[in-house]
Amino acid sequence: MQNKELNKFNKIIADKTTIISNLSNQYDHSSTPEELMWCAIQMQNHVNALRVIAERLGTDTKNIYGSDYHE
């Protein structure tokens, strides 16, 4: 994996965090239980995707730059 691909992961992470932030603001301004539930579900979906992407970035970064820690 090249730095270009690492940058792609970083961009995806930035995009996901922006989406989660916007959903959080929308959640704060929701007035019905349905809107609250929709926002919560959307946030959960994006947080799960963010977790997976961050784990992949961590693994790929370790593979590129190495690590002194041996699992």
N, C-alpha and C. Protein backbone atom coordinates (compact mmCIF):
# COMPACT_ATOMS: atom_id res chain seq x y z
N MET A 1 0.84 -1.17 0.00
CA MET A 1 0.00 0.00 0.00
C MET A 1 0.89 1.24 0.00
N GLN A 2 0.52 2.21 -0.75
CA GLN A 2 1.30 3.44 -0.88
C GLN A 2 0.70 4.53 -0.01
N ASN A 3 1.46 5.61 0.14
CA ASN A 3 0.96 6.76 0.90
C ASN A 3 -0.32 7.31 0.30
N LYS A 4 -0.47 7.19 -1.03
CA LYS A 4 -1.69 7.65 -1.69
C LYS A 4 -2.91 6.93 -1.14
N GLU A 5 -2.77 5.63 -0.91
CA GLU A 5 -3.87 4.85 -0.37
C GLU A 5 -4.12 5.21 1.10
N LEU A 6 -3.06 5.48 1.85
CA LEU A 6 -3.23 5.92 3.24
C LEU A 6 -3.98 7.25 3.28
N ASN A 7 -3.63 8.14 2.35
CA ASN A 7 -4.33 9.42 2.28
C ASN A 7 -5.80 9.23 1.96
N LYS A 8 -6.11 8.23 1.13
CA LYS A 8 -7.50 7.92 0.81
C LYS A 8 -8.26 7.51 2.07
N PHE A 9 -7.62 6.66 2.90
CA PHE A 9 -8.26 6.26 4.15
C PHE A 9 -8.46 7.46 5.07
N ASN A 10 -7.45 8.33 5.14
CA ASN A 10 -7.58 9.53 5.98
C ASN A 10 -8.73 10.42 5.52
N LYS A 11 -8.91 10.54 4.20
CA LYS A 11 -10.01 11.34 3.67
C LYS A 11 -11.35 10.71 4.02
N ILE A 12 -11.46 9.40 3.92
CA ILE A 12 -12.70 8.71 4.26
C ILE A 12 -13.02 8.92 5.74
N ILE A 13 -12.00 8.83 6.59
CA ILE A 13 -12.19 9.04 8.02
C ILE A 13 -12.69 10.46 8.29
N ALA A 14 -12.08 11.43 7.63
CA ALA A 14 -12.51 12.82 7.81
C ALA A 14 -13.96 13.01 7.35
N ASP A 15 -14.31 12.40 6.22
CA ASP A 15 -15.68 12.50 5.72
C ASP A 15 -16.68 11.87 6.69
N LYS A 16 -16.34 10.69 7.21
CA LYS A 16 -17.24 10.00 8.14
C LYS A 16 -17.43 10.81 9.42
N THR A 17 -16.35 11.40 9.93
CA THR A 17 -16.49 12.18 11.16
C THR A 17 -17.34 13.42 10.93
N THR A 18 -17.24 14.01 9.75
CA THR A 18 -18.09 15.16 9.42
C THR A 18 -19.55 14.74 9.36
N ILE A 19 -19.82 13.61 8.74
CA ILE A 19 -21.20 13.10 8.65
C ILE A 19 -21.74 12.82 10.05
N ILE A 20 -20.94 12.18 10.90
CA ILE A 20 -21.39 11.87 12.26
C ILE A 20 -21.66 13.15 13.03
N SER A 21 -20.81 14.14 12.87
CA SER A 21 -21.02 15.43 13.54
C SER A 21 -22.32 16.08 13.08
N ASN A 22 -22.56 16.07 11.78
CA ASN A 22 -23.80 16.65 11.25
C ASN A 22 -25.03 15.89 11.76
N LEU A 23 -24.94 14.57 11.82
CA LEU A 23 -26.05 13.78 12.35
C LEU A 23 -26.28 14.06 13.84
N SER A 24 -25.20 14.27 14.57
CA SER A 24 -25.32 14.61 15.99
C SER A 24 -26.05 15.93 16.17
N ASN A 25 -25.70 16.91 15.36
CA ASN A 25 -26.41 18.20 15.42
C ASN A 25 -27.88 18.04 15.04
N GLN A 26 -28.13 17.22 14.04
CA GLN A 26 -29.51 16.97 13.62
C GLN A 26 -30.27 16.27 14.73
N TYR A 27 -29.61 15.34 15.42
CA TYR A 27 -30.23 14.62 16.54
C TYR A 27 -30.64 15.61 17.63
N ASP A 28 -29.75 16.56 17.92
CA ASP A 28 -30.04 17.56 18.96
C ASP A 28 -31.25 18.41 18.63
N HIS A 29 -31.52 18.58 17.35
CA HIS A 29 -32.64 19.43 16.94
C HIS A 29 -33.88 18.64 16.51
N SER A 30 -33.83 17.33 16.65
CA SER A 30 -34.98 16.50 16.28
C SER A 30 -36.10 16.68 17.30
N SER A 31 -37.31 16.60 16.79
CA SER A 31 -38.44 16.85 17.68
C SER A 31 -39.35 15.64 17.87
N THR A 32 -39.22 14.64 17.01
CA THR A 32 -40.09 13.47 17.15
C THR A 32 -39.26 12.23 17.45
N PRO A 33 -39.88 11.24 18.07
CA PRO A 33 -39.15 10.00 18.34
C PRO A 33 -38.64 9.33 17.06
N GLU A 34 -39.39 9.46 15.97
CA GLU A 34 -38.97 8.87 14.71
C GLU A 34 -37.70 9.53 14.19
N GLU A 35 -37.64 10.85 14.28
CA GLU A 35 -36.43 11.55 13.85
C GLU A 35 -35.23 11.18 14.72
N LEU A 36 -35.46 11.09 16.03
CA LEU A 36 -34.40 10.70 16.94
C LEU A 36 -33.88 9.31 16.61
N MET A 37 -34.79 8.38 16.36
CA MET A 37 -34.39 7.00 16.05
C MET A 37 -33.64 6.94 14.73
N TRP A 38 -34.12 7.68 13.72
CA TRP A 38 -33.46 7.68 12.43
C TRP A 38 -32.03 8.20 12.57
N CYS A 39 -31.86 9.31 13.28
CA CYS A 39 -30.53 9.88 13.48
C CYS A 39 -29.63 8.92 14.24
N ALA A 40 -30.16 8.30 15.27
CA ALA A 40 -29.36 7.36 16.08
C ALA A 40 -28.90 6.18 15.23
N ILE A 41 -29.78 5.65 14.41
CA ILE A 41 -29.43 4.51 13.55
C ILE A 41 -28.38 4.93 12.53
N GLN A 42 -28.56 6.10 11.93
CA GLN A 42 -27.58 6.58 10.94
C GLN A 42 -26.22 6.80 11.59
N MET A 43 -26.22 7.40 12.79
CA MET A 43 -24.95 7.61 13.48
C MET A 43 -24.28 6.28 13.79
N GLN A 44 -25.06 5.31 14.25
CA GLN A 44 -24.49 4.00 14.57
C GLN A 44 -23.88 3.36 13.32
N ASN A 45 -24.55 3.44 12.20
CA ASN A 45 -24.03 2.87 10.96
C ASN A 45 -22.71 3.53 10.55
N HIS A 46 -22.67 4.86 10.63
CA HIS A 46 -21.45 5.57 10.24
C HIS A 46 -20.32 5.34 11.24
N VAL A 47 -20.65 5.22 12.51
CA VAL A 47 -19.62 4.94 13.52
C VAL A 47 -19.02 3.56 13.29
N ASN A 48 -19.85 2.59 12.98
CA ASN A 48 -19.34 1.24 12.69
C ASN A 48 -18.42 1.26 11.46
N ALA A 49 -18.83 1.97 10.43
CA ALA A 49 -17.99 2.08 9.22
C ALA A 49 -16.68 2.80 9.55
N LEU A 50 -16.75 3.84 10.37
CA LEU A 50 -15.55 4.57 10.79
C LEU A 50 -14.60 3.67 11.56
N ARG A 51 -15.13 2.85 12.44
CA ARG A 51 -14.30 1.93 13.22
C ARG A 51 -13.55 0.97 12.30
N VAL A 52 -14.25 0.41 11.33
CA VAL A 52 -13.63 -0.54 10.40
C VAL A 52 -12.54 0.15 9.58
N ILE A 53 -12.83 1.34 9.09
CA ILE A 53 -11.85 2.08 8.27
C ILE A 53 -10.63 2.44 9.12
N ALA A 54 -10.85 2.89 10.35
CA ALA A 54 -9.73 3.25 11.22
C ALA A 54 -8.86 2.04 11.55
N GLU A 55 -9.50 0.89 11.77
CA GLU A 55 -8.73 -0.33 12.02
C GLU A 55 -7.89 -0.70 10.80
N ARG A 56 -8.49 -0.57 9.63
CA ARG A 56 -7.76 -0.88 8.40
C ARG A 56 -6.59 0.08 8.20
N LEU A 57 -6.82 1.36 8.46
CA LEU A 57 -5.75 2.35 8.35
C LEU A 57 -4.62 2.02 9.32
N GLY A 58 -4.97 1.66 10.55
CA GLY A 58 -3.95 1.31 11.52
C GLY A 58 -3.13 0.11 11.10
N THR A 59 -3.79 -0.91 10.59
CA THR A 59 -3.10 -2.11 10.14
C THR A 59 -2.20 -1.82 8.96
N ASP A 60 -2.72 -1.09 7.99
CA ASP A 60 -1.93 -0.78 6.80
C ASP A 60 -0.78 0.15 7.11
N THR A 61 -0.98 1.09 8.02
CA THR A 61 0.11 1.98 8.43
C THR A 61 1.20 1.18 9.11
N LYS A 62 0.82 0.26 9.97
CA LYS A 62 1.80 -0.58 10.66
C LYS A 62 2.57 -1.42 9.65
N ASN A 63 1.88 -1.93 8.65
CA ASN A 63 2.54 -2.75 7.64
C ASN A 63 3.53 -1.93 6.80
N ILE A 64 3.24 -0.67 6.56
CA ILE A 64 4.12 0.17 5.76
C ILE A 64 5.32 0.64 6.58
N TYR A 65 5.04 1.17 7.77
CA TYR A 65 6.11 1.80 8.55
C TYR A 65 6.71 0.87 9.58
N GLY A 66 6.10 -0.27 9.80
CA GLY A 66 6.64 -1.23 10.75
C GLY A 66 6.23 -0.89 12.17
N SER A 67 6.54 -1.82 13.05
CA SER A 67 6.19 -1.65 14.45
C SER A 67 7.16 -2.44 15.29
N ASP A 68 7.51 -1.91 16.44
CA ASP A 68 8.36 -2.64 17.38
C ASP A 68 7.55 -3.62 18.20
N TYR A 69 6.24 -3.44 18.20
CA TYR A 69 5.35 -4.31 18.98
C TYR A 69 5.03 -5.55 18.15
N HIS A 70 5.21 -6.72 18.72
CA HIS A 70 4.90 -7.97 18.02
C HIS A 70 3.69 -8.60 18.66
N GLU A 71 2.68 -8.84 17.84
CA GLU A 71 1.44 -9.40 18.36
C GLU A 71 1.55 -10.87 18.59
